[in-house]
């Protein structure tokens, strides 16, 4: 069993007001790019649900929504490098414009696997929107089409992101003090 981390050790990296402003900007860009279309917006559970909810409320286009759940972390802070699909889309994405919304683009292993999985379903287009991009950890060449913030190599929590199921409820993005 993982030891709980004291919430006082979580230091703010990106305050809630900056996140809200950037989410609005991303939604405006996505709405413009998908004008006249009705994309299927696919949220990656569990980490992206808060970001996804805020993002879609700012969109000015009609959408369909669905969720997937892919894991390669378990309860730890390091990926095991072996993505596992726990929940697949129910909505048909064949011939559809698809926008995948994820919390963080880190090593790229899981999201590259997921994008390949979705490509096999033959969407008309497939794009990726991530709140956070941690490019220096990338092990697989993948990039976001829409990126909220680029961040340094720190383990982050808050705004849906967790550490052993702690801190998803924080309204900001933070890191545990002492984590380089």
N, C-alpha and C. Protein backbone atom coordinates (compact mmCIF):
# COMPACT_ATOMS: atom_id res chain seq x y z
N UNK A 1 0.84 -1.19 0.00
CA UNK A 1 0.00 0.00 0.00
C UNK A 1 0.88 1.24 0.00
N UNK A 2 0.54 2.20 -0.83
CA UNK A 2 1.31 3.43 -0.99
C UNK A 2 1.04 4.38 0.18
N UNK A 3 2.11 5.01 0.68
CA UNK A 3 2.00 5.97 1.76
C UNK A 3 1.40 7.27 1.24
N UNK A 4 0.47 7.85 1.97
CA UNK A 4 -0.17 9.11 1.58
C UNK A 4 0.86 10.24 1.62
N UNK A 5 0.72 11.16 0.70
CA UNK A 5 1.59 12.34 0.64
C UNK A 5 0.85 13.49 1.28
N UNK A 6 1.50 14.21 2.15
CA UNK A 6 0.92 15.38 2.81
C UNK A 6 0.63 16.45 1.76
N UNK A 7 -0.61 16.92 1.70
CA UNK A 7 -1.01 17.94 0.72
C UNK A 7 -0.21 19.23 0.86
N UNK A 8 0.36 19.48 2.03
CA UNK A 8 1.20 20.68 2.21
C UNK A 8 2.50 20.59 1.44
N UNK A 9 2.83 19.40 0.97
CA UNK A 9 4.05 19.22 0.16
C UNK A 9 3.81 19.48 -1.32
N UNK A 10 2.56 19.76 -1.71
CA UNK A 10 2.26 20.01 -3.12
C UNK A 10 2.43 21.50 -3.40
N UNK A 11 3.33 21.82 -4.32
CA UNK A 11 3.64 23.20 -4.69
C UNK A 11 2.97 23.55 -6.02
N UNK A 12 2.33 24.70 -6.09
CA UNK A 12 1.64 25.14 -7.31
C UNK A 12 2.64 25.42 -8.42
N UNK A 13 2.40 24.82 -9.59
CA UNK A 13 3.17 25.11 -10.80
C UNK A 13 2.35 25.98 -11.75
N UNK A 14 1.07 25.60 -11.94
CA UNK A 14 0.19 26.35 -12.84
C UNK A 14 -1.09 26.63 -12.06
N UNK A 15 -1.33 27.89 -11.73
CA UNK A 15 -2.53 28.24 -10.94
C UNK A 15 -3.83 28.01 -11.72
N UNK A 16 -4.92 27.86 -10.98
CA UNK A 16 -6.23 27.59 -11.57
C UNK A 16 -6.64 28.64 -12.60
N UNK A 17 -6.36 29.92 -12.34
CA UNK A 17 -6.79 30.96 -13.29
C UNK A 17 -6.04 30.86 -14.61
N UNK A 18 -4.77 30.45 -14.58
CA UNK A 18 -4.01 30.27 -15.83
C UNK A 18 -4.53 29.07 -16.61
N UNK A 19 -4.90 28.02 -15.89
CA UNK A 19 -5.47 26.85 -16.55
C UNK A 19 -6.78 27.23 -17.23
N UNK A 20 -7.65 27.94 -16.52
CA UNK A 20 -8.95 28.34 -17.08
C UNK A 20 -8.77 29.19 -18.34
N UNK A 21 -7.83 30.12 -18.30
CA UNK A 21 -7.59 30.98 -19.46
C UNK A 21 -7.10 30.16 -20.65
N UNK A 22 -6.17 29.25 -20.40
CA UNK A 22 -5.60 28.44 -21.48
C UNK A 22 -6.63 27.46 -22.05
N UNK A 23 -7.47 26.89 -21.20
CA UNK A 23 -8.52 25.98 -21.68
C UNK A 23 -9.46 26.74 -22.62
N UNK A 24 -9.81 27.96 -22.27
CA UNK A 24 -10.65 28.78 -23.15
C UNK A 24 -9.99 29.03 -24.50
N UNK A 25 -8.68 29.29 -24.48
CA UNK A 25 -7.95 29.52 -25.73
C UNK A 25 -7.92 28.26 -26.59
N UNK A 26 -7.66 27.12 -25.96
CA UNK A 26 -7.65 25.86 -26.70
C UNK A 26 -9.02 25.59 -27.31
N UNK A 27 -10.09 25.81 -26.55
CA UNK A 27 -11.45 25.58 -27.04
C UNK A 27 -11.75 26.48 -28.24
N UNK A 28 -11.32 27.72 -28.20
CA UNK A 28 -11.54 28.63 -29.32
C UNK A 28 -10.82 28.13 -30.57
N UNK A 29 -9.58 27.67 -30.41
CA UNK A 29 -8.82 27.16 -31.55
C UNK A 29 -9.46 25.89 -32.11
N UNK A 30 -9.86 24.99 -31.23
CA UNK A 30 -10.50 23.74 -31.66
C UNK A 30 -11.82 24.05 -32.36
N UNK A 31 -12.61 24.96 -31.81
CA UNK A 31 -13.89 25.33 -32.42
C UNK A 31 -13.69 25.90 -33.81
N UNK A 32 -12.66 26.72 -33.99
CA UNK A 32 -12.37 27.28 -35.31
C UNK A 32 -11.93 26.19 -36.29
N UNK A 33 -11.05 25.29 -35.83
CA UNK A 33 -10.53 24.24 -36.70
C UNK A 33 -11.60 23.23 -37.10
N UNK A 34 -12.58 23.01 -36.25
CA UNK A 34 -13.64 22.04 -36.54
C UNK A 34 -14.96 22.72 -36.94
N UNK A 35 -14.91 23.98 -37.33
CA UNK A 35 -16.13 24.69 -37.74
C UNK A 35 -16.83 23.91 -38.85
N UNK A 36 -18.15 23.75 -38.71
CA UNK A 36 -18.93 23.02 -39.70
C UNK A 36 -18.86 21.51 -39.54
N UNK A 37 -18.15 21.04 -38.53
CA UNK A 37 -18.03 19.60 -38.30
C UNK A 37 -18.57 19.26 -36.92
N UNK A 38 -18.78 17.99 -36.68
CA UNK A 38 -19.23 17.50 -35.38
C UNK A 38 -18.29 16.36 -34.95
N UNK A 39 -17.15 16.73 -34.38
CA UNK A 39 -16.16 15.71 -34.03
C UNK A 39 -16.61 14.83 -32.87
N UNK A 40 -15.99 13.66 -32.82
CA UNK A 40 -16.11 12.79 -31.66
C UNK A 40 -14.94 13.15 -30.75
N UNK A 41 -15.26 13.66 -29.57
CA UNK A 41 -14.23 14.03 -28.60
C UNK A 41 -14.10 12.86 -27.63
N UNK A 42 -12.90 12.30 -27.58
CA UNK A 42 -12.65 11.12 -26.75
C UNK A 42 -11.73 11.50 -25.59
N UNK A 43 -12.26 11.40 -24.39
CA UNK A 43 -11.49 11.69 -23.19
C UNK A 43 -10.78 10.44 -22.71
N UNK A 44 -9.52 10.63 -22.29
CA UNK A 44 -8.74 9.51 -21.77
C UNK A 44 -8.86 9.53 -20.25
N UNK A 45 -9.49 8.48 -19.72
CA UNK A 45 -9.69 8.37 -18.28
C UNK A 45 -8.46 7.78 -17.62
N UNK A 46 -8.21 8.13 -16.38
CA UNK A 46 -9.02 8.93 -15.52
C UNK A 46 -8.56 10.38 -15.52
N UNK A 47 -7.32 10.63 -15.81
CA UNK A 47 -6.73 11.94 -15.60
C UNK A 47 -7.32 13.11 -16.36
N UNK A 48 -7.91 12.87 -17.53
CA UNK A 48 -8.35 13.98 -18.37
C UNK A 48 -9.78 14.44 -18.11
N UNK A 49 -10.51 13.82 -17.22
CA UNK A 49 -11.94 14.13 -17.11
C UNK A 49 -12.25 15.56 -16.71
N UNK A 50 -11.47 16.15 -15.83
CA UNK A 50 -11.74 17.54 -15.43
C UNK A 50 -11.40 18.48 -16.58
N UNK A 51 -10.25 18.27 -17.21
CA UNK A 51 -9.84 19.07 -18.37
C UNK A 51 -10.87 18.94 -19.48
N UNK A 52 -11.30 17.72 -19.77
CA UNK A 52 -12.28 17.49 -20.83
C UNK A 52 -13.58 18.22 -20.54
N UNK A 53 -14.07 18.13 -19.31
CA UNK A 53 -15.33 18.80 -18.95
C UNK A 53 -15.23 20.31 -19.16
N UNK A 54 -14.14 20.90 -18.70
CA UNK A 54 -13.97 22.34 -18.88
C UNK A 54 -13.82 22.70 -20.36
N UNK A 55 -13.07 21.90 -21.10
CA UNK A 55 -12.83 22.17 -22.52
C UNK A 55 -14.13 22.14 -23.32
N UNK A 56 -14.93 21.08 -23.17
CA UNK A 56 -16.14 20.97 -24.00
C UNK A 56 -17.18 22.04 -23.65
N UNK A 57 -17.17 22.52 -22.42
CA UNK A 57 -18.11 23.59 -22.06
C UNK A 57 -17.76 24.91 -22.75
N UNK A 58 -16.53 25.04 -23.22
CA UNK A 58 -16.11 26.25 -23.93
C UNK A 58 -16.19 26.11 -25.45
N UNK A 59 -16.42 24.90 -25.94
CA UNK A 59 -16.51 24.71 -27.39
C UNK A 59 -17.77 25.37 -27.92
N UNK A 60 -17.69 25.86 -29.16
CA UNK A 60 -18.84 26.50 -29.80
C UNK A 60 -19.34 25.67 -30.97
N UNK A 61 -18.95 24.41 -31.02
CA UNK A 61 -19.35 23.48 -32.08
C UNK A 61 -20.07 22.30 -31.43
N UNK A 62 -20.93 21.63 -32.19
CA UNK A 62 -21.55 20.42 -31.65
C UNK A 62 -20.53 19.28 -31.64
N UNK A 63 -20.64 18.41 -30.67
CA UNK A 63 -19.73 17.27 -30.57
C UNK A 63 -20.50 16.01 -30.20
N UNK A 64 -19.85 14.89 -30.39
CA UNK A 64 -20.24 13.63 -29.76
C UNK A 64 -19.09 13.32 -28.80
N UNK A 65 -19.36 12.62 -27.73
CA UNK A 65 -18.28 12.33 -26.79
C UNK A 65 -18.24 10.86 -26.41
N UNK A 66 -17.06 10.43 -26.04
CA UNK A 66 -16.86 9.07 -25.57
C UNK A 66 -15.60 9.06 -24.72
N UNK A 67 -15.31 7.90 -24.15
CA UNK A 67 -14.15 7.77 -23.28
C UNK A 67 -13.41 6.49 -23.57
N UNK A 68 -12.12 6.53 -23.28
CA UNK A 68 -11.29 5.33 -23.27
C UNK A 68 -10.51 5.35 -21.96
N UNK A 69 -10.02 4.20 -21.58
CA UNK A 69 -9.16 4.15 -20.40
C UNK A 69 -7.99 3.25 -20.75
N UNK A 70 -6.81 3.84 -20.71
CA UNK A 70 -5.57 3.15 -21.00
C UNK A 70 -4.66 3.37 -19.81
N UNK A 71 -3.97 2.33 -19.40
CA UNK A 71 -3.06 2.49 -18.27
C UNK A 71 -1.73 1.81 -18.56
N UNK A 72 -0.69 2.40 -18.00
CA UNK A 72 0.62 1.76 -17.99
C UNK A 72 1.37 2.16 -16.73
N UNK A 73 0.65 2.81 -15.79
CA UNK A 73 1.28 3.30 -14.57
C UNK A 73 0.90 2.52 -13.33
N UNK A 74 -0.30 1.98 -13.24
CA UNK A 74 -0.74 1.35 -12.00
C UNK A 74 -0.77 2.39 -10.89
N UNK A 75 -0.26 2.05 -9.73
CA UNK A 75 -0.26 2.97 -8.59
C UNK A 75 1.06 3.71 -8.46
N UNK A 76 2.00 3.51 -9.37
CA UNK A 76 3.32 4.12 -9.27
C UNK A 76 3.44 5.41 -10.03
N UNK A 77 4.66 5.92 -10.08
CA UNK A 77 4.94 7.18 -10.77
C UNK A 77 5.74 6.96 -12.05
N UNK A 78 6.05 5.72 -12.38
CA UNK A 78 6.79 5.40 -13.59
C UNK A 78 5.98 4.43 -14.44
N UNK A 79 5.96 4.67 -15.76
CA UNK A 79 5.26 3.77 -16.66
C UNK A 79 5.96 2.42 -16.69
N UNK A 80 5.18 1.36 -16.87
CA UNK A 80 5.78 0.04 -17.05
C UNK A 80 6.04 -0.23 -18.52
N UNK A 81 5.67 0.73 -19.39
CA UNK A 81 5.95 0.62 -20.82
C UNK A 81 5.02 -0.30 -21.58
N UNK A 82 3.98 -0.82 -20.93
CA UNK A 82 3.07 -1.75 -21.57
C UNK A 82 1.64 -1.26 -21.44
N UNK A 83 1.17 -0.44 -22.39
CA UNK A 83 -0.21 0.07 -22.31
C UNK A 83 -1.23 -1.06 -22.31
N UNK A 84 -2.27 -0.83 -21.55
CA UNK A 84 -3.36 -1.81 -21.45
C UNK A 84 -4.68 -1.04 -21.61
N UNK A 85 -5.52 -1.48 -22.55
CA UNK A 85 -6.82 -0.86 -22.78
C UNK A 85 -7.83 -1.45 -21.80
N UNK A 86 -8.34 -0.59 -20.91
CA UNK A 86 -9.31 -1.02 -19.92
C UNK A 86 -10.74 -0.70 -20.34
N UNK A 87 -10.90 0.32 -21.22
CA UNK A 87 -12.21 0.73 -21.71
C UNK A 87 -12.03 1.29 -23.12
N UNK A 88 -12.79 0.77 -24.07
CA UNK A 88 -12.70 1.21 -25.45
C UNK A 88 -13.90 2.10 -25.79
N UNK A 89 -13.83 2.82 -26.89
CA UNK A 89 -14.92 3.67 -27.33
C UNK A 89 -16.14 2.83 -27.69
N UNK A 90 -17.31 3.42 -27.48
CA UNK A 90 -18.57 2.80 -27.88
C UNK A 90 -19.07 3.48 -29.15
N UNK A 91 -18.91 4.82 -29.21
CA UNK A 91 -19.29 5.59 -30.40
C UNK A 91 -18.51 5.08 -31.61
N UNK A 92 -19.15 5.03 -32.75
CA UNK A 92 -18.44 4.69 -33.97
C UNK A 92 -17.56 5.87 -34.37
N UNK A 93 -16.31 5.60 -34.64
CA UNK A 93 -15.41 6.66 -35.09
C UNK A 93 -15.02 6.48 -36.55
N UNK A 94 -15.51 5.44 -37.18
CA UNK A 94 -15.22 5.20 -38.59
C UNK A 94 -15.77 6.37 -39.42
N UNK A 95 -14.90 7.00 -40.18
CA UNK A 95 -15.29 8.13 -41.02
C UNK A 95 -15.52 9.43 -40.26
N UNK A 96 -15.29 9.44 -38.97
CA UNK A 96 -15.53 10.63 -38.14
C UNK A 96 -14.25 11.42 -37.89
N UNK A 97 -14.42 12.70 -37.61
CA UNK A 97 -13.31 13.52 -37.15
C UNK A 97 -13.18 13.26 -35.65
N UNK A 98 -12.02 12.83 -35.22
CA UNK A 98 -11.81 12.41 -33.84
C UNK A 98 -10.77 13.31 -33.17
N UNK A 99 -11.12 13.78 -31.98
CA UNK A 99 -10.19 14.55 -31.17
C UNK A 99 -10.02 13.83 -29.84
N UNK A 100 -8.81 13.34 -29.59
CA UNK A 100 -8.49 12.68 -28.34
C UNK A 100 -8.01 13.74 -27.36
N UNK A 101 -8.58 13.74 -26.16
CA UNK A 101 -8.22 14.71 -25.12
C UNK A 101 -7.59 13.95 -23.95
N UNK A 102 -6.33 14.29 -23.65
CA UNK A 102 -5.61 13.63 -22.57
C UNK A 102 -5.02 14.67 -21.63
N UNK A 103 -4.70 14.23 -20.42
CA UNK A 103 -4.17 15.14 -19.42
C UNK A 103 -2.72 15.49 -19.68
N UNK A 104 -1.89 14.50 -19.97
CA UNK A 104 -0.45 14.76 -20.09
C UNK A 104 0.18 13.87 -21.14
N UNK A 105 1.06 14.45 -21.93
CA UNK A 105 1.86 13.73 -22.91
C UNK A 105 3.26 13.64 -22.32
N UNK A 106 3.63 12.44 -21.92
CA UNK A 106 4.86 12.21 -21.18
C UNK A 106 5.81 11.39 -22.06
N UNK A 107 5.96 10.12 -21.79
CA UNK A 107 6.85 9.28 -22.60
C UNK A 107 6.30 9.09 -24.02
N UNK A 108 4.97 9.19 -24.15
CA UNK A 108 4.33 8.99 -25.44
C UNK A 108 3.95 7.55 -25.71
N UNK A 109 4.37 6.64 -24.86
CA UNK A 109 4.11 5.21 -25.09
C UNK A 109 2.62 4.91 -25.15
N UNK A 110 1.89 5.31 -24.12
CA UNK A 110 0.46 4.99 -24.06
C UNK A 110 -0.34 5.71 -25.13
N UNK A 111 -0.07 7.01 -25.33
CA UNK A 111 -0.88 7.76 -26.29
C UNK A 111 -0.58 7.33 -27.72
N UNK A 112 0.68 6.99 -28.04
CA UNK A 112 1.00 6.49 -29.38
C UNK A 112 0.27 5.18 -29.62
N UNK A 113 0.23 4.32 -28.60
CA UNK A 113 -0.49 3.06 -28.71
C UNK A 113 -1.98 3.32 -28.94
N UNK A 114 -2.56 4.25 -28.16
CA UNK A 114 -3.98 4.57 -28.30
C UNK A 114 -4.29 5.15 -29.68
N UNK A 115 -3.47 6.07 -30.15
CA UNK A 115 -3.70 6.67 -31.47
C UNK A 115 -3.65 5.60 -32.56
N UNK A 116 -2.70 4.68 -32.47
CA UNK A 116 -2.64 3.57 -33.44
C UNK A 116 -3.91 2.71 -33.35
N UNK A 117 -4.36 2.44 -32.14
CA UNK A 117 -5.59 1.67 -31.93
C UNK A 117 -6.78 2.36 -32.60
N UNK A 118 -6.89 3.68 -32.42
CA UNK A 118 -8.01 4.42 -33.02
C UNK A 118 -7.87 4.53 -34.53
N UNK A 119 -6.65 4.65 -35.06
CA UNK A 119 -6.46 4.69 -36.52
C UNK A 119 -6.99 3.43 -37.19
N UNK A 120 -6.90 2.31 -36.50
CA UNK A 120 -7.41 1.05 -37.06
C UNK A 120 -8.92 1.08 -37.24
N UNK A 121 -9.60 2.01 -36.59
CA UNK A 121 -11.05 2.16 -36.71
C UNK A 121 -11.41 3.09 -37.86
N UNK A 122 -10.40 3.59 -38.59
CA UNK A 122 -10.53 4.39 -39.81
C UNK A 122 -11.33 5.68 -39.64
N UNK A 123 -10.89 6.56 -38.73
CA UNK A 123 -11.53 7.88 -38.65
C UNK A 123 -11.15 8.75 -39.85
N UNK A 124 -11.96 9.75 -40.14
CA UNK A 124 -11.63 10.68 -41.23
C UNK A 124 -10.39 11.50 -40.85
N UNK A 125 -10.31 11.88 -39.58
CA UNK A 125 -9.14 12.60 -39.08
C UNK A 125 -8.95 12.23 -37.62
N UNK A 126 -7.74 12.39 -37.14
CA UNK A 126 -7.42 12.06 -35.76
C UNK A 126 -6.42 13.07 -35.23
N UNK A 127 -6.83 13.83 -34.21
CA UNK A 127 -5.96 14.83 -33.59
C UNK A 127 -5.89 14.60 -32.10
N UNK A 128 -4.86 15.19 -31.49
CA UNK A 128 -4.62 15.02 -30.06
C UNK A 128 -4.54 16.37 -29.38
N UNK A 129 -5.29 16.51 -28.29
CA UNK A 129 -5.25 17.69 -27.43
C UNK A 129 -4.79 17.24 -26.05
N UNK A 130 -3.72 17.86 -25.55
CA UNK A 130 -3.22 17.53 -24.22
C UNK A 130 -3.10 18.80 -23.40
N UNK A 131 -3.41 18.69 -22.12
CA UNK A 131 -3.24 19.83 -21.24
C UNK A 131 -1.77 20.11 -21.00
N UNK A 132 -1.00 19.06 -20.75
CA UNK A 132 0.41 19.21 -20.40
C UNK A 132 1.30 18.40 -21.33
N UNK A 133 2.44 18.97 -21.69
CA UNK A 133 3.42 18.28 -22.54
C UNK A 133 4.75 18.28 -21.81
N UNK A 134 5.24 17.10 -21.52
CA UNK A 134 6.53 16.93 -20.85
C UNK A 134 7.50 16.32 -21.88
N UNK A 135 7.92 17.12 -22.86
CA UNK A 135 8.66 16.65 -24.03
C UNK A 135 9.99 16.00 -23.69
N UNK A 136 10.65 16.44 -22.65
CA UNK A 136 11.98 15.89 -22.37
C UNK A 136 11.93 14.42 -21.95
N UNK A 137 10.78 13.90 -21.62
CA UNK A 137 10.65 12.48 -21.25
C UNK A 137 10.19 11.60 -22.42
N UNK A 138 9.97 12.19 -23.59
CA UNK A 138 9.41 11.44 -24.71
C UNK A 138 10.32 10.29 -25.12
N UNK A 139 9.73 9.11 -25.22
CA UNK A 139 10.43 7.92 -25.69
C UNK A 139 9.89 7.44 -27.02
N UNK A 140 8.71 7.93 -27.40
CA UNK A 140 8.07 7.58 -28.66
C UNK A 140 7.73 8.90 -29.36
N UNK A 141 8.05 9.03 -30.65
CA UNK A 141 7.79 10.30 -31.33
C UNK A 141 6.31 10.56 -31.56
N UNK A 142 5.72 11.36 -30.70
CA UNK A 142 4.32 11.75 -30.82
C UNK A 142 4.22 13.18 -30.28
N UNK A 143 3.34 13.96 -30.87
CA UNK A 143 3.16 15.34 -30.40
C UNK A 143 1.68 15.69 -30.42
N UNK A 144 1.33 16.67 -29.60
CA UNK A 144 -0.04 17.13 -29.53
C UNK A 144 -0.34 18.14 -30.62
N UNK A 145 -1.55 18.09 -31.15
CA UNK A 145 -1.99 19.11 -32.10
C UNK A 145 -2.42 20.37 -31.36
N UNK A 146 -2.89 20.19 -30.14
CA UNK A 146 -3.30 21.28 -29.26
C UNK A 146 -2.65 21.00 -27.90
N UNK A 147 -1.85 21.94 -27.43
CA UNK A 147 -1.12 21.75 -26.18
C UNK A 147 -1.38 22.93 -25.26
N UNK A 148 -1.78 22.61 -24.03
CA UNK A 148 -2.04 23.65 -23.05
C UNK A 148 -0.76 24.28 -22.53
N UNK A 149 0.09 23.47 -21.93
CA UNK A 149 1.32 23.96 -21.31
C UNK A 149 2.45 22.96 -21.51
N UNK A 150 3.64 23.46 -21.77
CA UNK A 150 4.84 22.63 -21.73
C UNK A 150 5.41 22.74 -20.33
N UNK A 151 5.77 21.60 -19.75
CA UNK A 151 6.26 21.60 -18.37
C UNK A 151 7.58 20.84 -18.28
N UNK A 152 8.35 21.12 -17.23
CA UNK A 152 9.60 20.38 -17.01
C UNK A 152 9.31 18.97 -16.50
N UNK A 153 10.35 18.18 -16.41
CA UNK A 153 10.24 16.79 -15.98
C UNK A 153 10.05 16.71 -14.46
N UNK A 154 8.80 16.91 -14.06
CA UNK A 154 8.39 16.76 -12.67
C UNK A 154 7.12 15.94 -12.64
N UNK A 155 6.93 15.17 -11.57
CA UNK A 155 5.70 14.41 -11.44
C UNK A 155 4.63 15.37 -10.93
N UNK A 156 3.59 15.58 -11.74
CA UNK A 156 2.58 16.59 -11.43
C UNK A 156 1.26 15.96 -10.99
N UNK A 157 0.53 16.74 -10.20
CA UNK A 157 -0.77 16.32 -9.68
C UNK A 157 -1.73 17.50 -9.75
N UNK A 158 -3.00 17.20 -9.56
CA UNK A 158 -4.03 18.24 -9.54
C UNK A 158 -4.75 18.34 -10.86
N UNK A 159 -5.92 18.98 -10.83
CA UNK A 159 -6.75 19.20 -12.01
C UNK A 159 -6.98 17.88 -12.76
N UNK A 160 -7.22 16.82 -11.99
CA UNK A 160 -7.50 15.52 -12.56
C UNK A 160 -6.34 14.54 -12.50
N UNK A 161 -5.12 15.05 -12.42
CA UNK A 161 -3.95 14.18 -12.36
C UNK A 161 -3.72 13.73 -10.92
N UNK A 162 -3.25 12.50 -10.77
CA UNK A 162 -3.11 11.96 -9.42
C UNK A 162 -1.75 11.35 -9.17
N UNK A 163 -1.54 11.02 -7.93
CA UNK A 163 -0.43 10.19 -7.50
C UNK A 163 -1.05 9.17 -6.56
N UNK A 164 -1.19 7.94 -7.02
CA UNK A 164 -1.82 6.91 -6.21
C UNK A 164 -3.23 7.28 -5.78
N UNK A 165 -3.99 7.89 -6.70
CA UNK A 165 -5.37 8.33 -6.49
C UNK A 165 -5.51 9.50 -5.50
N UNK A 166 -4.44 10.22 -5.25
CA UNK A 166 -4.49 11.43 -4.43
C UNK A 166 -4.37 12.65 -5.33
N UNK A 167 -5.00 13.75 -4.93
CA UNK A 167 -4.81 15.09 -5.49
C UNK A 167 -5.56 15.41 -6.77
N UNK A 168 -6.40 14.52 -7.30
CA UNK A 168 -7.16 14.85 -8.51
C UNK A 168 -8.02 16.10 -8.30
N UNK A 169 -8.49 16.33 -7.09
CA UNK A 169 -9.43 17.40 -6.79
C UNK A 169 -8.80 18.79 -6.71
N UNK A 170 -7.48 18.88 -6.70
CA UNK A 170 -6.84 20.19 -6.60
C UNK A 170 -7.18 21.02 -7.83
N UNK A 171 -7.47 22.32 -7.67
CA UNK A 171 -7.87 23.16 -8.81
C UNK A 171 -6.69 23.68 -9.63
N UNK A 172 -5.47 23.32 -9.26
CA UNK A 172 -4.27 23.77 -9.93
C UNK A 172 -3.40 22.56 -10.30
N UNK A 173 -2.36 22.82 -11.10
CA UNK A 173 -1.35 21.78 -11.38
C UNK A 173 -0.20 22.05 -10.43
N UNK A 174 0.20 21.03 -9.72
CA UNK A 174 1.30 21.18 -8.77
C UNK A 174 2.23 19.99 -8.83
N UNK A 175 3.34 20.10 -8.11
CA UNK A 175 4.24 18.98 -7.98
C UNK A 175 4.59 18.81 -6.51
N UNK A 176 5.01 17.62 -6.16
CA UNK A 176 5.36 17.34 -4.78
C UNK A 176 6.72 17.95 -4.50
N UNK A 177 6.80 18.81 -3.49
CA UNK A 177 8.07 19.45 -3.12
C UNK A 177 9.11 18.38 -2.86
N UNK A 178 10.29 18.63 -3.36
CA UNK A 178 11.37 17.65 -3.23
C UNK A 178 11.52 16.83 -4.50
N UNK A 179 10.53 16.88 -5.39
CA UNK A 179 10.62 16.20 -6.68
C UNK A 179 11.30 17.16 -7.64
N UNK A 180 12.57 16.92 -7.92
CA UNK A 180 13.39 17.80 -8.77
C UNK A 180 12.53 18.53 -9.74
